[in-house]
N, C-alpha and C. Protein backbone atom coordinates (compact mmCIF):
# COMPACT_ATOMS: atom_id res chain seq x y z
N MET A 1 -3.30 -8.12 4.82
CA MET A 1 -2.81 -9.33 5.43
C MET A 1 -1.49 -9.00 6.13
N SER A 2 -1.30 -9.56 7.26
CA SER A 2 -0.06 -9.31 8.00
C SER A 2 1.02 -10.31 7.60
N LEU A 3 2.25 -9.96 7.90
CA LEU A 3 3.35 -10.88 7.63
C LEU A 3 3.17 -12.17 8.44
N ALA A 4 2.65 -12.05 9.64
CA ALA A 4 2.39 -13.24 10.46
C ALA A 4 1.41 -14.17 9.74
N THR A 5 0.41 -13.60 9.11
CA THR A 5 -0.56 -14.41 8.36
C THR A 5 0.12 -15.09 7.19
N VAL A 6 0.96 -14.34 6.46
CA VAL A 6 1.70 -14.93 5.34
C VAL A 6 2.55 -16.09 5.84
N ASN A 7 3.20 -15.91 6.96
CA ASN A 7 4.04 -16.96 7.52
C ASN A 7 3.25 -18.20 7.92
N GLU A 8 2.00 -18.01 8.29
CA GLU A 8 1.18 -19.12 8.80
C GLU A 8 0.28 -19.75 7.75
N LEU A 9 0.24 -19.21 6.55
CA LEU A 9 -0.61 -19.78 5.51
C LEU A 9 -0.22 -21.23 5.23
N PRO A 10 -1.22 -22.07 4.93
CA PRO A 10 -0.87 -23.42 4.46
C PRO A 10 0.00 -23.31 3.21
N GLU A 11 0.83 -24.29 2.98
CA GLU A 11 1.82 -24.22 1.91
C GLU A 11 1.21 -23.88 0.55
N LEU A 12 0.12 -24.55 0.17
CA LEU A 12 -0.48 -24.28 -1.13
C LEU A 12 -1.06 -22.87 -1.23
N ASP A 13 -1.58 -22.36 -0.14
CA ASP A 13 -2.10 -20.99 -0.13
C ASP A 13 -0.97 -19.97 -0.24
N ALA A 14 0.13 -20.25 0.44
CA ALA A 14 1.28 -19.36 0.35
C ALA A 14 1.86 -19.37 -1.06
N LEU A 15 1.94 -20.54 -1.64
CA LEU A 15 2.44 -20.67 -3.00
C LEU A 15 1.56 -19.88 -3.97
N ALA A 16 0.26 -19.99 -3.82
CA ALA A 16 -0.67 -19.24 -4.67
C ALA A 16 -0.49 -17.74 -4.47
N LEU A 17 -0.31 -17.32 -3.24
CA LEU A 17 -0.10 -15.90 -2.95
C LEU A 17 1.18 -15.39 -3.62
N PHE A 18 2.26 -16.12 -3.47
CA PHE A 18 3.53 -15.68 -4.06
C PHE A 18 3.48 -15.71 -5.59
N ARG A 19 2.73 -16.64 -6.17
CA ARG A 19 2.58 -16.66 -7.63
C ARG A 19 1.89 -15.41 -8.15
N THR A 20 1.04 -14.78 -7.34
CA THR A 20 0.41 -13.53 -7.79
C THR A 20 1.42 -12.39 -7.83
N CYS A 21 2.51 -12.55 -7.14
CA CYS A 21 3.57 -11.52 -7.14
C CYS A 21 4.55 -11.74 -8.27
N CYS A 22 4.89 -12.98 -8.53
CA CYS A 22 5.82 -13.35 -9.59
C CYS A 22 5.53 -14.79 -9.98
N ALA A 23 5.23 -15.02 -11.24
CA ALA A 23 4.80 -16.35 -11.69
C ALA A 23 5.94 -17.32 -11.97
N ALA A 24 7.18 -16.91 -11.76
CA ALA A 24 8.29 -17.85 -11.94
C ALA A 24 8.20 -18.89 -10.83
N GLU A 25 7.96 -20.11 -11.21
CA GLU A 25 7.69 -21.16 -10.23
C GLU A 25 8.83 -21.34 -9.21
N PRO A 26 10.10 -21.36 -9.64
CA PRO A 26 11.16 -21.51 -8.64
C PRO A 26 11.17 -20.36 -7.62
N TRP A 27 10.79 -19.18 -8.06
CA TRP A 27 10.74 -18.04 -7.16
C TRP A 27 9.61 -18.23 -6.14
N ALA A 28 8.43 -18.58 -6.62
CA ALA A 28 7.28 -18.76 -5.72
C ALA A 28 7.53 -19.89 -4.73
N VAL A 29 8.13 -20.97 -5.20
CA VAL A 29 8.45 -22.09 -4.31
C VAL A 29 9.48 -21.65 -3.27
N GLY A 30 10.51 -20.95 -3.72
CA GLY A 30 11.54 -20.48 -2.80
C GLY A 30 11.00 -19.52 -1.75
N MET A 31 10.08 -18.66 -2.16
CA MET A 31 9.47 -17.74 -1.19
C MET A 31 8.63 -18.51 -0.18
N THR A 32 7.92 -19.51 -0.64
CA THR A 32 7.10 -20.33 0.26
C THR A 32 7.99 -21.09 1.23
N GLU A 33 9.04 -21.70 0.72
CA GLU A 33 9.95 -22.48 1.56
C GLU A 33 10.77 -21.60 2.49
N GLY A 34 10.93 -20.32 2.15
CA GLY A 34 11.74 -19.41 2.97
C GLY A 34 11.04 -18.91 4.22
N ARG A 35 9.77 -19.22 4.35
CA ARG A 35 9.03 -18.78 5.54
C ARG A 35 9.52 -19.53 6.77
N PRO A 36 9.41 -18.98 7.94
CA PRO A 36 8.79 -17.69 8.25
C PRO A 36 9.78 -16.54 8.05
N TYR A 37 9.23 -15.38 7.75
CA TYR A 37 10.01 -14.16 7.59
C TYR A 37 9.89 -13.32 8.84
N ALA A 38 11.02 -12.86 9.34
CA ALA A 38 11.04 -12.08 10.58
C ALA A 38 10.40 -10.71 10.39
N ASP A 39 10.59 -10.16 9.19
CA ASP A 39 10.04 -8.82 8.91
C ASP A 39 10.00 -8.63 7.39
N ALA A 40 9.47 -7.49 6.96
CA ALA A 40 9.36 -7.21 5.53
C ALA A 40 10.73 -7.14 4.86
N VAL A 41 11.73 -6.66 5.57
CA VAL A 41 13.08 -6.60 5.01
C VAL A 41 13.57 -8.00 4.66
N ALA A 42 13.35 -8.95 5.54
CA ALA A 42 13.76 -10.34 5.28
C ALA A 42 12.99 -10.92 4.10
N LEU A 43 11.73 -10.59 4.00
CA LEU A 43 10.90 -11.06 2.88
C LEU A 43 11.47 -10.54 1.56
N HIS A 44 11.76 -9.26 1.51
CA HIS A 44 12.30 -8.66 0.28
C HIS A 44 13.72 -9.15 -0.01
N ARG A 45 14.49 -9.39 1.02
CA ARG A 45 15.85 -9.91 0.83
C ARG A 45 15.78 -11.30 0.19
N GLN A 46 14.86 -12.13 0.67
CA GLN A 46 14.67 -13.46 0.08
C GLN A 46 14.23 -13.35 -1.38
N ALA A 47 13.33 -12.42 -1.66
CA ALA A 47 12.88 -12.23 -3.04
C ALA A 47 14.07 -11.92 -3.94
N ASP A 48 14.92 -11.01 -3.51
CA ASP A 48 16.10 -10.64 -4.31
C ASP A 48 17.07 -11.80 -4.46
N ALA A 49 17.28 -12.55 -3.40
CA ALA A 49 18.19 -13.70 -3.47
C ALA A 49 17.67 -14.72 -4.49
N LEU A 50 16.38 -14.92 -4.50
CA LEU A 50 15.80 -15.87 -5.45
C LEU A 50 15.84 -15.34 -6.88
N PHE A 51 15.63 -14.03 -7.06
CA PHE A 51 15.74 -13.45 -8.40
C PHE A 51 17.12 -13.73 -8.99
N ALA A 52 18.15 -13.64 -8.17
CA ALA A 52 19.52 -13.83 -8.64
C ALA A 52 19.76 -15.24 -9.18
N ARG A 53 18.93 -16.19 -8.79
CA ARG A 53 19.10 -17.59 -9.19
C ARG A 53 18.22 -18.00 -10.36
N LEU A 54 17.35 -17.12 -10.83
CA LEU A 54 16.41 -17.50 -11.89
C LEU A 54 17.12 -17.63 -13.23
N SER A 55 16.70 -18.62 -13.98
CA SER A 55 17.21 -18.85 -15.33
C SER A 55 16.39 -18.03 -16.33
N GLU A 56 16.84 -18.00 -17.56
CA GLU A 56 16.08 -17.31 -18.60
C GLU A 56 14.67 -17.86 -18.71
N SER A 57 14.53 -19.17 -18.67
CA SER A 57 13.19 -19.76 -18.80
C SER A 57 12.31 -19.38 -17.60
N ASP A 58 12.90 -19.23 -16.43
CA ASP A 58 12.12 -18.79 -15.26
C ASP A 58 11.62 -17.36 -15.46
N TRP A 59 12.51 -16.49 -15.95
CA TRP A 59 12.10 -15.11 -16.21
C TRP A 59 11.00 -15.07 -17.25
N LEU A 60 11.14 -15.87 -18.30
CA LEU A 60 10.12 -15.89 -19.35
C LEU A 60 8.78 -16.37 -18.79
N GLN A 61 8.83 -17.31 -17.86
CA GLN A 61 7.59 -17.75 -17.20
C GLN A 61 6.96 -16.60 -16.43
N ALA A 62 7.77 -15.82 -15.75
CA ALA A 62 7.26 -14.66 -15.01
C ALA A 62 6.66 -13.63 -15.97
N PHE A 63 7.36 -13.35 -17.06
CA PHE A 63 6.89 -12.35 -18.02
C PHE A 63 5.56 -12.78 -18.65
N ALA A 64 5.42 -14.07 -18.92
CA ALA A 64 4.22 -14.59 -19.59
C ALA A 64 2.96 -14.39 -18.76
N ALA A 65 3.09 -14.17 -17.48
CA ALA A 65 1.93 -13.98 -16.62
C ALA A 65 1.42 -12.55 -16.60
N HIS A 66 2.07 -11.67 -17.36
CA HIS A 66 1.68 -10.27 -17.41
C HIS A 66 0.83 -9.99 -18.65
N PRO A 67 -0.15 -9.13 -18.51
CA PRO A 67 -0.85 -8.65 -19.70
C PRO A 67 0.01 -7.62 -20.41
N LYS A 68 -0.24 -7.43 -21.68
CA LYS A 68 0.45 -6.37 -22.40
C LYS A 68 -0.01 -5.03 -21.85
N ILE A 69 0.92 -4.09 -21.72
CA ILE A 69 0.58 -2.75 -21.29
C ILE A 69 -0.48 -2.19 -22.24
N GLY A 70 -1.57 -1.69 -21.67
CA GLY A 70 -2.64 -1.10 -22.46
C GLY A 70 -3.68 -2.08 -22.92
N ASP A 71 -3.44 -3.38 -22.79
CA ASP A 71 -4.40 -4.38 -23.22
C ASP A 71 -5.27 -4.76 -22.04
N MET A 72 -6.24 -3.92 -21.72
CA MET A 72 -7.03 -4.09 -20.52
C MET A 72 -7.93 -5.32 -20.60
N SER A 73 -8.35 -5.74 -21.80
CA SER A 73 -9.21 -6.91 -21.90
C SER A 73 -8.49 -8.17 -21.44
N SER A 74 -7.17 -8.22 -21.66
CA SER A 74 -6.43 -9.41 -21.23
C SER A 74 -6.38 -9.50 -19.71
N LEU A 75 -6.50 -8.37 -19.03
CA LEU A 75 -6.55 -8.41 -17.57
C LEU A 75 -7.76 -9.20 -17.11
N GLN A 76 -8.87 -9.01 -17.79
CA GLN A 76 -10.11 -9.67 -17.39
C GLN A 76 -10.15 -11.12 -17.83
N LYS A 77 -9.58 -11.45 -18.96
CA LYS A 77 -9.69 -12.80 -19.51
C LYS A 77 -8.60 -13.74 -18.99
N LYS A 78 -7.37 -13.45 -19.35
CA LYS A 78 -6.27 -14.39 -19.09
C LYS A 78 -5.67 -14.28 -17.70
N TYR A 79 -5.74 -13.08 -17.10
CA TYR A 79 -5.00 -12.86 -15.88
C TYR A 79 -5.91 -12.51 -14.72
N ALA A 80 -7.02 -13.19 -14.60
CA ALA A 80 -8.00 -12.86 -13.56
C ALA A 80 -7.39 -12.93 -12.16
N HIS A 81 -6.46 -13.85 -11.93
CA HIS A 81 -5.88 -14.00 -10.59
C HIS A 81 -4.99 -12.83 -10.18
N THR A 82 -4.49 -12.06 -11.14
CA THR A 82 -3.69 -10.88 -10.81
C THR A 82 -4.34 -9.60 -11.34
N ALA A 83 -5.59 -9.68 -11.76
CA ALA A 83 -6.25 -8.53 -12.39
C ALA A 83 -6.27 -7.32 -11.49
N ALA A 84 -6.59 -7.49 -10.22
CA ALA A 84 -6.66 -6.33 -9.32
C ALA A 84 -5.29 -5.68 -9.17
N LEU A 85 -4.27 -6.49 -9.04
CA LEU A 85 -2.92 -5.93 -8.90
C LEU A 85 -2.48 -5.25 -10.19
N ALA A 86 -2.60 -5.93 -11.31
CA ALA A 86 -2.14 -5.38 -12.58
C ALA A 86 -3.01 -4.21 -13.02
N GLY A 87 -4.29 -4.28 -12.74
CA GLY A 87 -5.18 -3.19 -13.13
C GLY A 87 -4.80 -1.89 -12.46
N SER A 88 -4.50 -1.94 -11.18
CA SER A 88 -4.09 -0.71 -10.50
C SER A 88 -2.70 -0.29 -10.95
N GLU A 89 -1.85 -1.25 -11.29
CA GLU A 89 -0.51 -0.92 -11.77
C GLU A 89 -0.58 -0.21 -13.12
N GLN A 90 -1.58 -0.55 -13.93
CA GLN A 90 -1.69 0.02 -15.27
C GLN A 90 -2.74 1.12 -15.35
N ALA A 91 -3.05 1.75 -14.25
CA ALA A 91 -4.07 2.79 -14.24
C ALA A 91 -3.77 3.90 -15.23
N GLY A 92 -2.50 4.21 -15.44
CA GLY A 92 -2.13 5.26 -16.39
C GLY A 92 -2.53 4.93 -17.81
N ALA A 93 -2.54 3.65 -18.16
CA ALA A 93 -2.93 3.25 -19.51
C ALA A 93 -4.43 3.38 -19.72
N GLN A 94 -5.20 3.34 -18.65
CA GLN A 94 -6.65 3.43 -18.77
C GLN A 94 -7.10 4.83 -19.16
N GLN A 95 -6.26 5.84 -18.99
CA GLN A 95 -6.64 7.21 -19.27
C GLN A 95 -5.94 7.75 -20.52
N ALA A 96 -5.45 6.87 -21.37
CA ALA A 96 -4.70 7.28 -22.54
C ALA A 96 -5.62 7.59 -23.72
N THR A 97 -5.09 8.37 -24.65
CA THR A 97 -5.83 8.63 -25.88
C THR A 97 -5.81 7.38 -26.76
N ALA A 98 -6.73 7.32 -27.69
CA ALA A 98 -6.80 6.18 -28.60
C ALA A 98 -5.50 6.05 -29.40
N ASP A 99 -4.91 7.19 -29.81
CA ASP A 99 -3.66 7.15 -30.56
C ASP A 99 -2.52 6.55 -29.75
N VAL A 100 -2.40 6.97 -28.50
CA VAL A 100 -1.33 6.43 -27.64
C VAL A 100 -1.56 4.95 -27.39
N LEU A 101 -2.80 4.55 -27.14
CA LEU A 101 -3.08 3.12 -26.91
C LEU A 101 -2.77 2.30 -28.16
N GLN A 102 -3.08 2.83 -29.34
CA GLN A 102 -2.77 2.11 -30.58
C GLN A 102 -1.27 1.99 -30.76
N ARG A 103 -0.54 3.05 -30.47
CA ARG A 103 0.92 3.00 -30.57
C ARG A 103 1.51 2.03 -29.54
N LEU A 104 0.92 1.98 -28.34
CA LEU A 104 1.36 1.00 -27.34
C LEU A 104 1.14 -0.41 -27.85
N LYS A 105 -0.05 -0.65 -28.41
CA LYS A 105 -0.35 -1.98 -28.95
C LYS A 105 0.63 -2.35 -30.05
N ASP A 106 0.83 -1.42 -31.01
CA ASP A 106 1.74 -1.69 -32.12
C ASP A 106 3.17 -1.90 -31.62
N GLY A 107 3.60 -1.07 -30.67
CA GLY A 107 4.94 -1.20 -30.10
C GLY A 107 5.11 -2.51 -29.35
N ASN A 108 4.08 -2.88 -28.59
CA ASN A 108 4.13 -4.15 -27.87
C ASN A 108 4.22 -5.32 -28.83
N ASP A 109 3.46 -5.26 -29.92
CA ASP A 109 3.51 -6.33 -30.92
C ASP A 109 4.90 -6.43 -31.54
N ALA A 110 5.49 -5.27 -31.87
CA ALA A 110 6.83 -5.26 -32.44
C ALA A 110 7.86 -5.79 -31.44
N TYR A 111 7.72 -5.40 -30.20
CA TYR A 111 8.62 -5.84 -29.14
C TYR A 111 8.54 -7.36 -28.99
N ASP A 112 7.32 -7.88 -28.92
CA ASP A 112 7.12 -9.33 -28.77
C ASP A 112 7.72 -10.08 -29.95
N ARG A 113 7.51 -9.59 -31.15
CA ARG A 113 8.09 -10.25 -32.33
C ARG A 113 9.62 -10.24 -32.28
N LYS A 114 10.19 -9.12 -31.86
CA LYS A 114 11.65 -8.99 -31.85
C LYS A 114 12.30 -9.81 -30.74
N PHE A 115 11.71 -9.76 -29.54
CA PHE A 115 12.39 -10.36 -28.38
C PHE A 115 11.81 -11.71 -27.94
N GLY A 116 10.59 -12.00 -28.34
CA GLY A 116 9.97 -13.28 -27.96
C GLY A 116 9.28 -13.26 -26.62
N PHE A 117 9.08 -12.08 -26.07
CA PHE A 117 8.31 -11.91 -24.82
C PHE A 117 7.76 -10.50 -24.81
N ILE A 118 6.75 -10.28 -23.95
CA ILE A 118 6.12 -8.97 -23.94
C ILE A 118 6.98 -7.94 -23.22
N PHE A 119 6.70 -6.70 -23.52
CA PHE A 119 7.36 -5.56 -22.88
C PHE A 119 6.95 -5.52 -21.42
N ILE A 120 7.92 -5.58 -20.54
CA ILE A 120 7.68 -5.52 -19.10
C ILE A 120 8.23 -4.20 -18.58
N VAL A 121 7.36 -3.47 -17.90
CA VAL A 121 7.75 -2.22 -17.26
C VAL A 121 6.93 -2.09 -15.98
N CYS A 122 7.55 -1.58 -14.96
CA CYS A 122 6.81 -1.29 -13.74
C CYS A 122 5.97 -0.05 -14.03
N ALA A 123 4.70 -0.25 -14.27
CA ALA A 123 3.82 0.79 -14.77
C ALA A 123 3.26 1.71 -13.68
N THR A 124 3.48 1.37 -12.44
CA THR A 124 2.96 2.17 -11.35
C THR A 124 3.40 3.61 -11.47
N ASN A 125 2.44 4.52 -11.40
CA ASN A 125 2.65 5.97 -11.46
C ASN A 125 3.21 6.45 -12.80
N LYS A 126 3.04 5.66 -13.86
CA LYS A 126 3.50 6.06 -15.19
C LYS A 126 2.28 6.25 -16.09
N SER A 127 2.26 7.32 -16.83
CA SER A 127 1.20 7.55 -17.81
C SER A 127 1.44 6.62 -19.00
N ALA A 128 0.41 6.48 -19.80
CA ALA A 128 0.55 5.68 -21.02
C ALA A 128 1.61 6.28 -21.93
N ALA A 129 1.65 7.61 -22.01
CA ALA A 129 2.66 8.26 -22.85
C ALA A 129 4.07 7.95 -22.35
N LYS A 130 4.27 7.94 -21.04
CA LYS A 130 5.58 7.61 -20.48
C LYS A 130 5.95 6.15 -20.79
N MET A 131 4.97 5.23 -20.64
CA MET A 131 5.24 3.83 -20.96
C MET A 131 5.57 3.66 -22.43
N LEU A 132 4.88 4.42 -23.29
CA LEU A 132 5.18 4.37 -24.72
C LEU A 132 6.60 4.87 -24.98
N ASP A 133 7.00 5.95 -24.34
CA ASP A 133 8.38 6.45 -24.48
C ASP A 133 9.39 5.39 -24.07
N LEU A 134 9.14 4.72 -22.95
CA LEU A 134 10.05 3.68 -22.47
C LEU A 134 10.11 2.51 -23.45
N LEU A 135 8.95 2.12 -23.95
CA LEU A 135 8.89 1.02 -24.91
C LEU A 135 9.68 1.36 -26.16
N GLU A 136 9.45 2.54 -26.70
CA GLU A 136 10.16 2.94 -27.91
C GLU A 136 11.66 3.08 -27.68
N ALA A 137 12.06 3.50 -26.50
CA ALA A 137 13.49 3.62 -26.18
C ALA A 137 14.15 2.25 -26.07
N ARG A 138 13.41 1.25 -25.64
CA ARG A 138 13.98 -0.09 -25.45
C ARG A 138 13.93 -0.95 -26.71
N LEU A 139 13.11 -0.62 -27.68
CA LEU A 139 13.00 -1.43 -28.89
C LEU A 139 14.32 -1.64 -29.63
N PRO A 140 15.23 -0.67 -29.69
CA PRO A 140 16.49 -0.89 -30.41
C PRO A 140 17.46 -1.83 -29.68
N ASN A 141 17.20 -2.17 -28.45
CA ASN A 141 18.12 -3.00 -27.66
C ASN A 141 18.23 -4.41 -28.22
N THR A 142 19.25 -5.12 -27.73
CA THR A 142 19.40 -6.53 -28.06
C THR A 142 18.50 -7.35 -27.14
N ARG A 143 18.28 -8.60 -27.51
CA ARG A 143 17.46 -9.48 -26.68
C ARG A 143 18.11 -9.65 -25.30
N ALA A 144 19.42 -9.79 -25.27
CA ALA A 144 20.12 -9.96 -23.98
C ALA A 144 19.90 -8.73 -23.08
N GLN A 145 19.99 -7.54 -23.67
CA GLN A 145 19.74 -6.33 -22.88
C GLN A 145 18.30 -6.30 -22.37
N GLU A 146 17.37 -6.72 -23.21
CA GLU A 146 15.97 -6.67 -22.81
C GLU A 146 15.61 -7.73 -21.78
N LEU A 147 16.27 -8.86 -21.80
CA LEU A 147 16.05 -9.84 -20.73
C LEU A 147 16.45 -9.23 -19.39
N VAL A 148 17.56 -8.53 -19.37
CA VAL A 148 18.01 -7.88 -18.13
C VAL A 148 17.05 -6.76 -17.74
N ASN A 149 16.69 -5.91 -18.70
CA ASN A 149 15.77 -4.80 -18.42
C ASN A 149 14.44 -5.32 -17.91
N ALA A 150 13.90 -6.33 -18.57
CA ALA A 150 12.60 -6.87 -18.16
C ALA A 150 12.70 -7.53 -16.79
N ALA A 151 13.81 -8.20 -16.50
CA ALA A 151 13.98 -8.82 -15.18
C ALA A 151 14.04 -7.76 -14.08
N VAL A 152 14.71 -6.66 -14.34
CA VAL A 152 14.78 -5.56 -13.37
C VAL A 152 13.38 -5.01 -13.12
N GLU A 153 12.62 -4.83 -14.19
CA GLU A 153 11.25 -4.31 -14.05
C GLU A 153 10.35 -5.32 -13.34
N GLN A 154 10.52 -6.61 -13.65
CA GLN A 154 9.75 -7.66 -12.97
C GLN A 154 10.03 -7.62 -11.47
N ALA A 155 11.27 -7.44 -11.10
CA ALA A 155 11.62 -7.38 -9.67
C ALA A 155 10.93 -6.19 -9.00
N LYS A 156 10.91 -5.04 -9.67
CA LYS A 156 10.22 -3.86 -9.11
C LYS A 156 8.74 -4.17 -8.89
N ILE A 157 8.12 -4.75 -9.92
CA ILE A 157 6.70 -5.09 -9.83
C ILE A 157 6.46 -6.06 -8.68
N THR A 158 7.30 -7.06 -8.58
CA THR A 158 7.15 -8.07 -7.54
C THR A 158 7.25 -7.47 -6.15
N HIS A 159 8.23 -6.60 -5.95
CA HIS A 159 8.37 -5.96 -4.63
C HIS A 159 7.14 -5.12 -4.30
N LEU A 160 6.61 -4.41 -5.27
CA LEU A 160 5.38 -3.65 -5.03
C LEU A 160 4.21 -4.56 -4.68
N ARG A 161 4.12 -5.68 -5.37
CA ARG A 161 3.03 -6.62 -5.09
C ARG A 161 3.19 -7.26 -3.72
N LEU A 162 4.41 -7.58 -3.34
CA LEU A 162 4.62 -8.10 -1.99
C LEU A 162 4.14 -7.09 -0.95
N ASP A 163 4.50 -5.83 -1.15
CA ASP A 163 4.07 -4.80 -0.22
C ASP A 163 2.55 -4.65 -0.19
N LYS A 164 1.90 -4.78 -1.34
CA LYS A 164 0.45 -4.68 -1.39
C LYS A 164 -0.21 -5.81 -0.60
N HIS A 165 0.41 -6.98 -0.60
CA HIS A 165 -0.15 -8.11 0.17
C HIS A 165 0.01 -7.90 1.67
N LEU A 166 0.99 -7.11 2.03
CA LEU A 166 1.21 -6.84 3.46
C LEU A 166 0.45 -5.59 3.83
């Protein structure tokens, strides 16, 4: 899809498109209202400006739209609207050993219990073992640190998804 097409989409279609990039409603609304975009740089600049304004609850809304790393069945069930995007982003987890996948699951469960949201990482070009290392390195952090870390990772994911739509 071209940027011109994104700019010309009916409002509800544009909103749906932006929600596939980031499920934080204020962000998707802001991206829709920010059209037309002169170029991809302007599109990404708007994305960053909107990220800076998101509240904790907005970030949590964005995080909730992600499947757990390694939980491929959730891609098919709960997240069908972003399955193609997330599936390719998590390709490294699809080739993991059973032990690594089990450790990812256990680590994700521990992370969710500790912080109240799932582990968010930009999984593109990362093996399951690398994601497990990152998860285990972040588990000792405070919730405040992890909100920031997860928001940074969400922004990376969102920018990649915007580029995929273009």
